[in-house]
C-alpha atoms as a PDB file:
ATOM      1  CA  MET A   1     109.356   2.512 -19.235  1.00  0.00           C
ATOM      2  CA  VAL A   2     108.753  -1.464 -17.938  1.00  0.00           C
ATOM      3  CA  GLU A   3     108.919  -1.927 -14.106  1.00  0.00           C
ATOM      4  CA  SER A   4     111.461  -4.147 -14.996  1.00  0.00           C
ATOM      5  CA  ASN A   5     111.370  -5.808 -11.285  1.00  0.00           C
ATOM      6  CA  LEU A   6     108.504  -7.422 -13.303  1.00  0.00           C
ATOM      7  CA  PHE A   7     110.737  -9.212 -15.440  1.00  0.00           C
ATOM      8  CA  GLY A   8     114.154  -8.773 -13.604  1.00  0.00           C
ATOM      9  CA  ASP A   9     114.988 -13.131 -14.634  1.00  0.00           C
ATOM     10  CA  GLY A  10     115.767 -13.640 -17.720  1.00  0.00           C
ATOM     11  CA  GLU A  11     115.527 -17.963 -17.739  1.00  0.00           C
ATOM     12  CA  ALA A  12     112.513 -17.637 -15.563  1.00  0.00           C
ATOM     13  CA  TYR A  13     111.148 -16.013 -18.508  1.00  0.00           C
ATOM     14  CA  GLU A  14     112.346 -18.376 -21.220  1.00  0.00           C
ATOM     15  CA  LEU A  15     110.558 -21.124 -18.979  1.00  0.00           C
ATOM     16  CA  THR A  16     106.813 -18.866 -18.864  1.00  0.00           C
ATOM     17  CA  MET A  17     106.838 -17.151 -21.995  1.00  0.00           C
ATOM     18  CA  GLY A  18     109.688 -16.866 -23.844  1.00  0.00           C
ATOM     19  CA  ARG A  19     108.903 -19.948 -25.968  1.00  0.00           C
ATOM     20  CA  TRP A  20     105.479 -18.593 -26.882  1.00  0.00           C
ATOM     21  CA  SER A  21     107.043 -15.113 -27.721  1.00  0.00           C
ATOM     22  CA  GLN A  22     109.242 -17.198 -30.559  1.00  0.00           C
ATOM     23  CA  LEU A  23     106.713 -18.903 -32.086  1.00  0.00           C
ATOM     24  CA  VAL A  24     103.787 -16.074 -32.047  1.00  0.00           C
ATOM     25  CA  GLY A  25     107.515 -14.171 -33.433  1.00  0.00           C
ATOM     26  CA  ASP A  26     108.156 -15.947 -36.527  1.00  0.00           C
ATOM     27  CA  LYS A  27     104.903 -15.417 -37.346  1.00  0.00           C
ATOM     28  CA  PHE A  28     104.901 -11.870 -37.248  1.00  0.00           C
ATOM     29  CA  ILE A  29     108.167 -11.598 -38.689  1.00  0.00           C
ATOM     30  CA  ASP A  30     106.733 -13.732 -41.737  1.00  0.00           C
ATOM     31  CA  TRP A  31     103.736 -11.438 -42.172  1.00  0.00           C
ATOM     32  CA  LEU A  32     106.303  -7.572 -41.725  1.00  0.00           C
ATOM     33  CA  ASP A  33     108.138  -9.221 -44.810  1.00  0.00           C
ATOM     34  CA  ALA A  34     110.669  -6.993 -44.993  1.00  0.00           C
ATOM     35  CA  PRO A  35     113.616  -7.208 -46.742  1.00  0.00           C
ATOM     36  CA  ARG A  36     116.661  -8.787 -46.127  1.00  0.00           C
ATOM     37  CA  GLY A  37     120.074  -6.797 -44.606  1.00  0.00           C
ATOM     38  CA  LEU A  38     118.053  -4.061 -42.538  1.00  0.00           C
ATOM     39  CA  ARG A  39     119.279  -1.904 -39.497  1.00  0.00           C
ATOM     40  CA  TRP A  40     116.748  -3.327 -36.805  1.00  0.00           C
ATOM     41  CA  LEU A  41     115.904  -1.904 -33.425  1.00  0.00           C
ATOM     42  CA  ASP A  42     114.157  -4.131 -30.718  1.00  0.00           C
ATOM     43  CA  VAL A  43     112.248  -2.115 -28.065  1.00  0.00           C
ATOM     44  CA  GLY A  44     111.564  -3.882 -24.954  1.00  0.00           C
ATOM     45  CA  CYS A  45     114.053  -6.446 -26.068  1.00  0.00           C
ATOM     46  CA  GLY A  46     113.557  -8.168 -22.977  1.00  0.00           C
ATOM     47  CA  ASN A  47     115.710 -11.717 -22.819  1.00  0.00           C
ATOM     48  CA  GLY A  48     116.402 -12.003 -26.501  1.00  0.00           C
ATOM     49  CA  ALA A  49     113.513 -14.120 -27.076  1.00  0.00           C
ATOM     50  CA  PHE A  50     112.329 -12.111 -29.951  1.00  0.00           C
ATOM     51  CA  THR A  51     115.988 -10.313 -30.983  1.00  0.00           C
ATOM     52  CA  GLU A  52     116.910 -14.041 -31.917  1.00  0.00           C
ATOM     53  CA  ARG A  53     113.821 -14.821 -34.281  1.00  0.00           C
ATOM     54  CA  ILE A  54     115.134 -11.185 -35.579  1.00  0.00           C
ATOM     55  CA  ILE A  55     118.327 -12.260 -36.473  1.00  0.00           C
ATOM     56  CA  SER A  56     117.629 -16.032 -37.535  1.00  0.00           C
ATOM     57  CA  CYS A  57     114.493 -15.170 -39.789  1.00  0.00           C
ATOM     58  CA  SER A  58     115.418 -11.621 -41.274  1.00  0.00           C
ATOM     59  CA  ALA A  59     119.729 -11.658 -41.820  1.00  0.00           C
ATOM     60  CA  PRO A  60     119.739  -8.522 -40.242  1.00  0.00           C
ATOM     61  CA  ALA A  61     122.823  -5.831 -41.644  1.00  0.00           C
ATOM     62  CA  GLU A  62     122.250  -4.848 -37.836  1.00  0.00           C
ATOM     63  CA  VAL A  63     119.665  -5.055 -34.346  1.00  0.00           C
ATOM     64  CA  VAL A  64     120.044  -2.827 -31.706  1.00  0.00           C
ATOM     65  CA  ALA A  65     118.672  -4.094 -28.688  1.00  0.00           C
ATOM     66  CA  ILE A  66     116.949  -2.382 -26.071  1.00  0.00           C
ATOM     67  CA  ASP A  67     115.041  -2.691 -22.201  1.00  0.00           C
ATOM     68  CA  PRO A  68     114.856  -1.555 -18.835  1.00  0.00           C
ATOM     69  CA  SER A  69     116.173  -4.618 -17.014  1.00  0.00           C
ATOM     70  CA  LYS A  70     120.191  -5.111 -16.497  1.00  0.00           C
ATOM     71  CA  GLU A  71     119.099  -8.465 -15.909  1.00  0.00           C
ATOM     72  CA  GLN A  72     117.036  -9.393 -19.123  1.00  0.00           C
ATOM     73  CA  LEU A  73     119.941  -7.737 -20.622  1.00  0.00           C
ATOM     74  CA  ALA A  74     122.387 -10.053 -19.665  1.00  0.00           C
ATOM     75  CA  TYR A  75     120.828 -13.107 -20.077  1.00  0.00           C
ATOM     76  CA  ALA A  76     119.882 -11.651 -23.876  1.00  0.00           C
ATOM     77  CA  SER A  77     123.426 -11.392 -24.421  1.00  0.00           C
ATOM     78  CA  THR A  78     124.291 -15.228 -23.364  1.00  0.00           C
ATOM     79  CA  ARG A  79     121.397 -16.847 -26.064  1.00  0.00           C
ATOM     80  CA  PRO A  80     123.192 -18.741 -28.915  1.00  0.00           C
ATOM     81  CA  GLY A  81     121.659 -16.729 -31.451  1.00  0.00           C
ATOM     82  CA  THR A  82     122.160 -12.780 -30.739  1.00  0.00           C
ATOM     83  CA  LYS A  83     125.986 -12.576 -31.254  1.00  0.00           C
ATOM     84  CA  LEU A  84     125.496 -10.188 -33.844  1.00  0.00           C
ATOM     85  CA  ALA A  85     123.339  -8.163 -31.557  1.00  0.00           C
ATOM     86  CA  LYS A  86     124.155  -4.927 -29.663  1.00  0.00           C
ATOM     87  CA  PHE A  87     122.049  -4.783 -26.360  1.00  0.00           C
ATOM     88  CA  GLN A  88     121.544  -1.749 -24.194  1.00  0.00           C
ATOM     89  CA  LEU A  89     119.600  -0.414 -21.608  1.00  0.00           C
ATOM     90  CA  GLY A  90     116.947   1.750 -23.023  1.00  0.00           C
ATOM     91  CA  ASP A  91     113.321   3.638 -22.622  1.00  0.00           C
ATOM     92  CA  ALA A  92     111.012   3.217 -25.393  1.00  0.00           C
ATOM     93  CA  GLN A  93     109.443   6.679 -24.520  1.00  0.00           C
ATOM     94  CA  LYS A  94     112.643   8.168 -24.910  1.00  0.00           C
ATOM     95  CA  LEU A  95     114.740   6.580 -27.753  1.00  0.00           C
ATOM     96  CA  PRO A  96     118.386   7.521 -27.340  1.00  0.00           C
ATOM     97  CA  PHE A  97     119.157   7.202 -31.202  1.00  0.00           C
ATOM     98  CA  ALA A  98     118.836  10.199 -33.776  1.00  0.00           C
ATOM     99  CA  ASP A  99     116.739  10.637 -36.355  1.00  0.00           C
ATOM    100  CA  GLY A 100     116.660   7.594 -38.953  1.00  0.00           C
ATOM    101  CA  SER A 101     118.874   5.996 -37.392  1.00  0.00           C
ATOM    102  CA  PHE A 102     117.251   2.423 -38.241  1.00  0.00           C
ATOM    103  CA  ASP A 103     115.379   0.842 -40.942  1.00  0.00           C
ATOM    104  CA  ALA A 104     112.868  -1.229 -38.835  1.00  0.00           C
ATOM    105  CA  ALA A 105     111.480  -0.561 -35.335  1.00  0.00           C
ATOM    106  CA  VAL A 106     109.665  -3.578 -33.442  1.00  0.00           C
ATOM    107  CA  MET A 107     108.294  -4.083 -30.243  1.00  0.00           C
ATOM    108  CA  ALA A 108     106.973  -7.447 -29.098  1.00  0.00           C
ATOM    109  CA  LEU A 109     105.078  -7.906 -26.394  1.00  0.00           C
ATOM    110  CA  VAL A 110     105.581  -4.795 -25.021  1.00  0.00           C
ATOM    111  CA  ILE A 111     103.081  -1.776 -25.739  1.00  0.00           C
ATOM    112  CA  THR A 112     100.749  -2.868 -22.655  1.00  0.00           C
ATOM    113  CA  PHE A 113     103.355  -2.140 -20.187  1.00  0.00           C
ATOM    114  CA  ILE A 114     104.951   1.568 -21.405  1.00  0.00           C
ATOM    115  CA  PRO A 115     103.166   3.818 -19.436  1.00  0.00           C
ATOM    116  CA  ASP A 116     102.495   5.960 -22.623  1.00  0.00           C
ATOM    117  CA  PRO A 117     102.362   3.719 -25.374  1.00  0.00           C
ATOM    118  CA  ALA A 118     101.345   6.603 -27.920  1.00  0.00           C
ATOM    119  CA  ARG A 119     104.887   8.328 -26.682  1.00  0.00           C
ATOM    120  CA  ALA A 120     106.953   5.359 -27.394  1.00  0.00           C
ATOM    121  CA  VAL A 121     105.465   5.068 -31.161  1.00  0.00           C
ATOM    122  CA  ALA A 122     106.326   8.235 -31.813  1.00  0.00           C
ATOM    123  CA  GLU A 123     109.514   7.600 -30.796  1.00  0.00           C
ATOM    124  CA  MET A 124     109.642   4.289 -33.066  1.00  0.00           C
ATOM    125  CA  VAL A 125     108.622   6.599 -36.291  1.00  0.00           C
ATOM    126  CA  ARG A 126     111.428   9.375 -35.018  1.00  0.00           C
ATOM    127  CA  VAL A 127     114.405   6.834 -35.507  1.00  0.00           C
ATOM    128  CA  VAL A 128     113.267   5.107 -38.050  1.00  0.00           C
ATOM    129  CA  ARG A 129     114.483   6.517 -41.629  1.00  0.00           C
ATOM    130  CA  PRO A 130     111.209   7.622 -44.434  1.00  0.00           C
ATOM    131  CA  GLY A 131     109.959   4.365 -45.606  1.00  0.00           C
ATOM    132  CA  GLY A 132     111.174   2.457 -42.928  1.00  0.00           C
ATOM    133  CA  TRP A 133     108.815  -0.165 -41.119  1.00  0.00           C
ATOM    134  CA  ILE A 134     107.273   0.400 -37.518  1.00  0.00           C
ATOM    135  CA  ALA A 135     105.053  -2.389 -36.374  1.00  0.00           C
ATOM    136  CA  THR A 136     104.123  -4.296 -33.108  1.00  0.00           C
ATOM    137  CA  TYR A 137     102.185  -7.167 -31.511  1.00  0.00           C
ATOM    138  CA  MET A 138     100.792  -7.980 -28.413  1.00  0.00           C
ATOM    139  CA  TRP A 139      98.869 -10.986 -26.835  1.00  0.00           C
ATOM    140  CA  ASP A 140      95.282  -9.913 -27.028  1.00  0.00           C
ATOM    141  CA  VAL A 141      94.633  -9.169 -22.928  1.00  0.00           C
ATOM    142  CA  PRO A 142      90.814  -7.879 -22.573  1.00  0.00           C
ATOM    143  CA  ALA A 143      90.065 -11.048 -25.259  1.00  0.00           C
ATOM    144  CA  GLY A 144      91.676 -13.715 -23.132  1.00  0.00           C
ATOM    145  CA  GLY A 145      94.894 -14.434 -26.041  1.00  0.00           C
ATOM    146  CA  LEU A 146      97.189 -14.375 -22.933  1.00  0.00           C
ATOM    147  CA  PRO A 147      99.402 -17.182 -22.698  1.00  0.00           C
ATOM    148  CA  SER A 148      98.686 -17.450 -19.410  1.00  0.00           C
ATOM    149  CA  ALA A 149      94.550 -17.177 -19.620  1.00  0.00           C
ATOM    150  CA  PRO A 150      93.166 -19.853 -17.919  1.00  0.00           C
ATOM    151  CA  PHE A 151      94.788 -18.372 -15.011  1.00  0.00           C
ATOM    152  CA  HIS A 152      93.086 -15.361 -15.431  1.00  0.00           C
ATOM    153  CA  ALA A 153      89.874 -17.134 -15.910  1.00  0.00           C
ATOM    154  CA  ALA A 154      90.393 -19.051 -12.814  1.00  0.00           C
ATOM    155  CA  MET A 155      90.915 -16.167 -10.761  1.00  0.00           C
ATOM    156  CA  LYS A 156      88.201 -14.466 -11.847  1.00  0.00           C
ATOM    157  CA  SER A 157      86.073 -17.204 -10.958  1.00  0.00           C
ATOM    158  CA  LEU A 158      87.316 -17.009  -7.427  1.00  0.00           C
ATOM    159  CA  ASP A 159      86.940 -13.017  -7.525  1.00  0.00           C
ATOM    160  CA  ILE A 160      90.324 -12.263  -7.069  1.00  0.00           C
ATOM    161  CA  PRO A 161      91.264  -9.389  -8.980  1.00  0.00           C
ATOM    162  CA  PRO A 162      93.022  -9.644 -12.433  1.00  0.00           C
ATOM    163  CA  ALA A 163      96.554 -10.109 -12.645  1.00  0.00           C
ATOM    164  CA  THR A 164      97.160  -7.890 -16.236  1.00  0.00           C
ATOM    165  CA  PRO A 165      99.626  -5.974 -17.580  1.00  0.00           C
ATOM    166  CA  PRO A 166      99.603  -2.435 -14.999  1.00  0.00           C
ATOM    167  CA  ASN A 167      98.593  -0.070 -17.735  1.00  0.00           C
ATOM    168  CA  SER A 168      95.178   0.052 -19.579  1.00  0.00           C
ATOM    169  CA  ALA A 169      95.131  -3.626 -21.377  1.00  0.00           C
ATOM    170  CA  ALA A 170      92.583  -1.640 -24.018  1.00  0.00           C
ATOM    171  CA  ILE A 171      95.422  -1.122 -26.049  1.00  0.00           C
ATOM    172  CA  SER A 172      96.483  -4.544 -27.123  1.00  0.00           C
ATOM    173  CA  ARG A 173      92.876  -4.952 -29.215  1.00  0.00           C
ATOM    174  CA  ARG A 174      93.282  -4.843 -32.589  1.00  0.00           C
ATOM    175  CA  ASP A 175      91.458  -1.651 -33.444  1.00  0.00           C
ATOM    176  CA  ALA A 176      93.130   0.331 -30.551  1.00  0.00           C
ATOM    177  CA  MET A 177      96.511  -0.290 -32.148  1.00  0.00           C
ATOM    178  CA  LEU A 178      95.344   0.379 -35.692  1.00  0.00           C
ATOM    179  CA  ALA A 179      94.189   3.822 -34.541  1.00  0.00           C
ATOM    180  CA  MET A 180      97.043   4.378 -32.557  1.00  0.00           C
ATOM    181  CA  TRP A 181      99.416   4.153 -35.885  1.00  0.00           C
ATOM    182  CA  GLU A 182      97.226   5.914 -38.144  1.00  0.00           C
ATOM    183  CA  ASN A 183      97.726   8.698 -35.315  1.00  0.00           C
ATOM    184  CA  ALA A 184     101.158   8.280 -35.726  1.00  0.00           C
ATOM    185  CA  GLY A 185     100.842   9.209 -39.165  1.00  0.00           C
ATOM    186  CA  LEU A 186     101.956   5.874 -40.553  1.00  0.00           C
ATOM    187  CA  LYS A 187     100.694   4.482 -43.810  1.00  0.00           C
ATOM    188  CA  SER A 188     100.534   1.442 -45.430  1.00  0.00           C
ATOM    189  CA  ILE A 189      99.321   0.158 -42.283  1.00  0.00           C
ATOM    190  CA  ASP A 190      97.949  -3.348 -42.040  1.00  0.00           C
ATOM    191  CA  THR A 191      96.705  -5.426 -38.627  1.00  0.00           C
ATOM    192  CA  ARG A 192      96.666  -8.891 -38.263  1.00  0.00           C
ATOM    193  CA  VAL A 193      95.606 -12.041 -35.577  1.00  0.00           C
ATOM    194  CA  ILE A 194      98.399 -14.557 -34.874  1.00  0.00           C
ATOM    195  CA  ARG A 195      97.437 -17.286 -32.952  1.00  0.00           C
ATOM    196  CA  ILE A 196      99.404 -20.198 -31.393  1.00  0.00           C
ATOM    197  CA  LEU A 197      98.805 -23.201 -29.557  1.00  0.00           C
ATOM    198  CA  THR A 198     100.532 -23.386 -26.116  1.00  0.00           C
ATOM    199  CA  HIS A 199     101.209 -26.831 -25.418  1.00  0.00           C
ATOM    200  CA  TYR A 200     102.074 -28.369 -21.716  1.00  0.00           C
ATOM    201  CA  ALA A 201     103.357 -32.020 -21.306  1.00  0.00           C
ATOM    202  CA  ASN A 202     100.948 -32.324 -18.264  1.00  0.00           C
ATOM    203  CA  PHE A 203      98.888 -30.312 -16.004  1.00  0.00           C
ATOM    204  CA  ASP A 204     101.810 -30.074 -13.451  1.00  0.00           C
ATOM    205  CA  ASP A 205     104.012 -28.550 -16.005  1.00  0.00           C
ATOM    206  CA  PHE A 206     101.417 -26.104 -16.690  1.00  0.00           C
ATOM    207  CA  TRP A 207     101.447 -24.865 -13.141  1.00  0.00           C
ATOM    208  CA  ASN A 208     105.033 -24.729 -12.584  1.00  0.00           C
ATOM    209  CA  ALA A 209     105.853 -22.956 -16.094  1.00  0.00           C
ATOM    210  CA  ASN A 210     103.658 -20.275 -15.381  1.00  0.00           C
ATOM    211  CA  THR A 211     104.326 -20.253 -11.357  1.00  0.00           C
ATOM    212  CA  LEU A 212     107.884 -18.836 -11.694  1.00  0.00           C
ATOM    213  CA  GLY A 213     107.461 -15.105 -10.593  1.00  0.00           C
ATOM    214  CA  ILE A 214     107.530 -13.529 -13.747  1.00  0.00           C
ATOM    215  CA  GLY A 215     105.271 -10.620 -14.972  1.00  0.00           C
ATOM    216  CA  PRO A 216     102.181  -9.603 -13.314  1.00  0.00           C
ATOM    217  CA  LEU A 217     100.567 -13.058 -12.712  1.00  0.00           C
ATOM    218  CA  GLY A 218     103.733 -14.054 -11.126  1.00  0.00           C
ATOM    219  CA  LYS A 219     103.909 -11.199  -8.903  1.00  0.00           C
ATOM    220  CA  ALA A 220     100.022 -11.739  -8.185  1.00  0.00           C
ATOM    221  CA  LEU A 221     100.589 -15.243  -7.409  1.00  0.00           C
ATOM    222  CA  ASN A 222     103.841 -14.914  -5.042  1.00  0.00           C
ATOM    223  CA  GLU A 223     101.641 -12.467  -3.094  1.00  0.00           C
ATOM    224  CA  MET A 224      99.062 -14.840  -2.162  1.00  0.00           C
ATOM    225  CA  THR A 225      98.736 -16.961   0.312  1.00  0.00           C
ATOM    226  CA  ALA A 226      99.388 -20.884   0.509  1.00  0.00           C
ATOM    227  CA  SER A 227      95.664 -21.372   1.187  1.00  0.00           C
ATOM    228  CA  VAL A 228      94.609 -18.902  -1.734  1.00  0.00           C
ATOM    229  CA  ARG A 229      96.834 -20.159  -4.175  1.00  0.00           C
ATOM    230  CA  GLU A 230      95.887 -24.047  -3.817  1.00  0.00           C
ATOM    231  CA  GLN A 231      92.503 -22.502  -4.577  1.00  0.00           C
ATOM    232  CA  VAL A 232      93.745 -21.249  -7.957  1.00  0.00           C
ATOM    233  CA  ARG A 233      95.649 -24.727  -8.539  1.00  0.00           C
ATOM    234  CA  THR A 234      92.226 -26.654  -7.684  1.00  0.00           C
ATOM    235  CA  ARG A 235      89.991 -24.494  -9.753  1.00  0.00           C
ATOM    236  CA  LEU A 236      92.651 -24.466 -12.705  1.00  0.00           C
ATOM    237  CA  ARG A 237      92.192 -28.292 -12.759  1.00  0.00           C
ATOM    238  CA  GLU A 238      88.475 -27.936 -12.613  1.00  0.00           C
ATOM    239  CA  GLN A 239      88.319 -25.447 -15.711  1.00  0.00           C
ATOM    240  CA  LEU A 240      91.320 -27.045 -17.949  1.00  0.00           C
ATOM    241  CA  ALA A 241      90.405 -29.219 -21.202  1.00  0.00           C
ATOM    242  CA  ILE A 242      92.936 -31.466 -19.742  1.00  0.00           C
ATOM    243  CA  GLY A 243      93.825 -34.557 -22.875  1.00  0.00           C
ATOM    244  CA  PRO A 244      93.760 -38.447 -22.485  1.00  0.00           C
ATOM    245  CA  ASP A 245      97.486 -38.145 -22.749  1.00  0.00           C
ATOM    246  CA  GLY A 246      97.474 -35.841 -19.775  1.00  0.00           C
ATOM    247  CA  GLY A 247      98.847 -33.000 -21.766  1.00  0.00           C
ATOM    248  CA  VAL A 248      97.120 -29.338 -21.746  1.00  0.00           C
ATOM    249  CA  THR A 249      96.858 -27.656 -25.001  1.00  0.00           C
ATOM    250  CA  TYR A 250      95.084 -24.234 -25.786  1.00  0.00           C
ATOM    251  CA  GLU A 251      95.483 -21.723 -28.128  1.00  0.00           C
ATOM    252  CA  ALA A 252      96.936 -17.918 -27.493  1.00  0.00           C
ATOM    253  CA  PHE A 253      96.495 -15.086 -29.599  1.00  0.00           C
ATOM    254  CA  ALA A 254      98.107 -11.876 -30.077  1.00  0.00           C
ATOM    255  CA  ASN A 255      97.118  -8.655 -32.798  1.00  0.00           C
ATOM    256  CA  ALA A 256      99.569  -7.099 -34.872  1.00  0.00           C
ATOM    257  CA  VAL A 257      99.368  -4.004 -36.659  1.00  0.00           C
ATOM    258  CA  LYS A 258     102.758  -2.738 -39.357  1.00  0.00           C
ATOM    259  CA  GLY A 259     103.026   0.981 -41.099  1.00  0.00           C
ATOM    260  CA  ARG A 260     105.597   2.390 -42.962  1.00  0.00           C
ATOM    261  CA  LYS A 261     107.118   5.897 -42.395  1.00  0.00           C
ATOM    262  CA  PRO A 262     105.930   8.614 -45.400  1.00  0.00           C
ATOM    263  CA  ASP A 263     108.787   9.274 -47.934  1.00  0.00           C
END
């Protein structure tokens, strides 16, 4: 499904992306507005940051969470708020569940990492009961919605290839998500943009949190020479708006889509 070696360290992911995943995840769940007591499937659960929010915000009857990374799953199972969840290895493009097994299937910050997103959506539809919910959200990569967007802007200004998700970033556009849900035959489809503020205590906090070797950006930074990394660091200092208190604050935003399986 996803290159598991991109996200093999659950603790590092938590510092780099987990906190922002939880912020946007809470807004996503509120917007999804699904009833309590449902059977949920969390596709591509990673280190369990969003799984924890499902349990905290939705009072589910059951949560099953799958991911291709054993390391991420191991970390997810240690989170205090995921005791209800059942974690297992799995591929979004070939879900190991019977038809109609769940009331809701969700995918958080994953869709651009799946080689065949349409197949994954079809699988989510298959394993959800008639009338159930299918939804996803993803940072708007083309529009600069990633929490790591300042890095990409700095790298672009230095003619360094972008370190964006490995598959088509275009699938994270709002209109692309809408089209995919329509093509999957879902009903009551709706979309929205979810915006959050990312905040770091200072530039070093910002730099350290984003250079832990996680995801496409972390991989790209690890492959740079020390001199090129220093160029990126210098350009970031030039381009970032740093507040009077030394803090770094900027907006990140994700596109979300939801729909229901026809009865």
